[in-house]
Structures are given as structure tokens and as C-alpha cells.
Amino acid sequence: MNPLRWDVLLVGFVLALPVFALWFRGDFSTEEAVGRLPWCLAAGWGAVALVRAVATPPPAPRERHRPVEEPAD
């Protein structure tokens, strides 16, 4: 799965909001905030991968074709 999909980026951005808030408040320096942003993207990728794995239904079982039996005369 591509880590730059729109759903991964959206979840990563949502997870990065507290980092932005702490940076804006002054608790994080710019270097600390930028250093934590890739972890937010990785967590978003993991969360989306987990939800997709759980939400995907299992494949339907394949039907086996039985050989056609000739009727006995």
C-alpha cells in the first residue's frame, strides 16, 4: 500500500494536529515538531492498513467443478 494515499495522508494529518498544537503553544521546538511528523505519517499508514485488513471481506471460496457423469444405459 502506497504511504502517500489520500486516506493515509488524512489520518497522518489528524494524528499530527497535537504536534502542531504543542509546537504552536511553544512546548516543542521546530526541530522537535519536524522530527515527530514522519512518525505521525507512519502511524497513519499503520492505522489505515489495519482498518483495511480488518474491513476487507475474505475471498469467496472457489467452486470445484465435478466431472459430468454419463448416465448408465
C-alpha atoms as a PDB file:
ATOM      1  CA  MET A   1       0.000   0.000   0.000  1.00  0.00           C
ATOM      2  CA  ASN A   2       1.328   3.376  -1.001  1.00  0.00           C
ATOM      3  CA  PRO A   3       2.128   5.567   2.042  1.00  0.00           C
ATOM      4  CA  LEU A   4       1.068   8.679   0.125  1.00  0.00           C
ATOM      5  CA  ARG A   5      -2.563   7.713  -0.427  1.00  0.00           C
ATOM      6  CA  TRP A   6      -5.165  10.340   0.426  1.00  0.00           C
ATOM      7  CA  ASP A   7      -6.586   8.345   3.346  1.00  0.00           C
ATOM      8  CA  VAL A   8      -3.123   7.765   4.828  1.00  0.00           C
ATOM      9  CA  LEU A   9      -2.248  11.449   4.482  1.00  0.00           C
ATOM     10  CA  LEU A  10      -5.548  12.478   6.052  1.00  0.00           C
ATOM     11  CA  VAL A  11      -5.114  10.191   9.074  1.00  0.00           C
ATOM     12  CA  GLY A  12      -1.474  11.268   9.382  1.00  0.00           C
ATOM     13  CA  PHE A  13      -2.544  14.911   9.374  1.00  0.00           C
ATOM     14  CA  VAL A  14      -5.156  14.254  12.060  1.00  0.00           C
ATOM     15  CA  LEU A  15      -2.534  12.497  14.170  1.00  0.00           C
ATOM     16  CA  ALA A  16      -0.158  15.438  13.630  1.00  0.00           C
ATOM     17  CA  LEU A  17      -2.617  18.022  14.978  1.00  0.00           C
ATOM     18  CA  PRO A  18      -1.453  17.595  18.612  1.00  0.00           C
ATOM     19  CA  VAL A  19       2.156  18.015  17.455  1.00  0.00           C
ATOM     20  CA  PHE A  20       1.223  21.245  15.691  1.00  0.00           C
ATOM     21  CA  ALA A  21      -0.671  22.417  18.776  1.00  0.00           C
ATOM     22  CA  LEU A  22       2.286  21.727  21.070  1.00  0.00           C
ATOM     23  CA  TRP A  23       4.610  23.494  18.631  1.00  0.00           C
ATOM     24  CA  PHE A  24       2.270  26.479  18.400  1.00  0.00           C
ATOM     25  CA  ARG A  25       1.998  26.635  22.192  1.00  0.00           C
ATOM     26  CA  GLY A  26       5.784  26.616  22.498  1.00  0.00           C
ATOM     27  CA  ASP A  27       6.270  23.230  24.178  1.00  0.00           C
ATOM     28  CA  PHE A  28       8.077  21.811  21.120  1.00  0.00           C
ATOM     29  CA  SER A  29      10.845  23.492  19.188  1.00  0.00           C
ATOM     30  CA  THR A  30      10.669  23.468  15.411  1.00  0.00           C
ATOM     31  CA  GLU A  31      13.221  20.640  15.250  1.00  0.00           C
ATOM     32  CA  GLU A  32      11.239  18.512  17.699  1.00  0.00           C
ATOM     33  CA  ALA A  33       7.980  19.067  15.840  1.00  0.00           C
ATOM     34  CA  VAL A  34       9.504  18.302  12.435  1.00  0.00           C
ATOM     35  CA  GLY A  35      11.178  15.207  13.867  1.00  0.00           C
ATOM     36  CA  ARG A  36       7.829  13.847  15.064  1.00  0.00           C
ATOM     37  CA  LEU A  37       5.879  14.426  11.836  1.00  0.00           C
ATOM     38  CA  PRO A  38       7.214  11.332   9.995  1.00  0.00           C
ATOM     39  CA  TRP A  39       6.061   9.246  12.957  1.00  0.00           C
ATOM     40  CA  CYS A  40       2.573  10.674  12.522  1.00  0.00           C
ATOM     41  CA  LEU A  41       2.616   9.614   8.862  1.00  0.00           C
ATOM     42  CA  ALA A  42       3.853   6.137   9.833  1.00  0.00           C
ATOM     43  CA  ALA A  43       1.129   5.816  12.468  1.00  0.00           C
ATOM     44  CA  GLY A  44      -1.463   6.907   9.910  1.00  0.00           C
ATOM     45  CA  TRP A  45      -0.193   4.313   7.450  1.00  0.00           C
ATOM     46  CA  GLY A  46      -0.366   1.611  10.132  1.00  0.00           C
ATOM     47  CA  ALA A  47      -3.868   2.597  11.212  1.00  0.00           C
ATOM     48  CA  VAL A  48      -5.204   2.624   7.655  1.00  0.00           C
ATOM     49  CA  ALA A  49      -3.517  -0.699   6.872  1.00  0.00           C
ATOM     50  CA  LEU A  50      -5.059  -2.262   9.976  1.00  0.00           C
ATOM     51  CA  VAL A  51      -8.547  -0.951   9.206  1.00  0.00           C
ATOM     52  CA  ARG A  52      -8.292  -2.091   5.587  1.00  0.00           C
ATOM     53  CA  ALA A  53      -7.111  -5.551   6.643  1.00  0.00           C
ATOM     54  CA  VAL A  54      -9.975  -5.957   9.087  1.00  0.00           C
ATOM     55  CA  ALA A  55     -12.651  -4.466   6.829  1.00  0.00           C
ATOM     56  CA  THR A  56     -11.774  -6.469   3.712  1.00  0.00           C
ATOM     57  CA  PRO A  57     -14.037  -9.498   3.434  1.00  0.00           C
ATOM     58  CA  PRO A  58     -12.384 -12.858   2.864  1.00  0.00           C
ATOM     59  CA  PRO A  59     -12.365 -14.108  -0.713  1.00  0.00           C
ATOM     60  CA  ALA A  60     -15.252 -16.308  -1.746  1.00  0.00           C
ATOM     61  CA  PRO A  61     -14.388 -19.986  -1.893  1.00  0.00           C
ATOM     62  CA  ARG A  62     -13.856 -21.274  -5.384  1.00  0.00           C
ATOM     63  CA  GLU A  63     -16.295 -23.857  -6.626  1.00  0.00           C
ATOM     64  CA  ARG A  64     -14.833 -27.134  -7.705  1.00  0.00           C
ATOM     65  CA  HIS A  65     -16.168 -28.470 -10.935  1.00  0.00           C
ATOM     66  CA  ARG A  66     -17.134 -32.097 -10.745  1.00  0.00           C
ATOM     67  CA  PRO A  67     -16.757 -34.178 -13.866  1.00  0.00           C
ATOM     68  CA  VAL A  68     -20.070 -34.827 -15.558  1.00  0.00           C
ATOM     69  CA  GLU A  69     -21.035 -38.462 -15.232  1.00  0.00           C
ATOM     70  CA  GLU A  70     -22.586 -40.185 -18.201  1.00  0.00           C
ATOM     71  CA  PRO A  71     -25.976 -41.736 -17.426  1.00  0.00           C
ATOM     72  CA  ALA A  72     -25.919 -45.546 -17.392  1.00  0.00           C
ATOM     73  CA  ASP A  73     -27.995 -47.200 -20.143  1.00  0.00           C
END
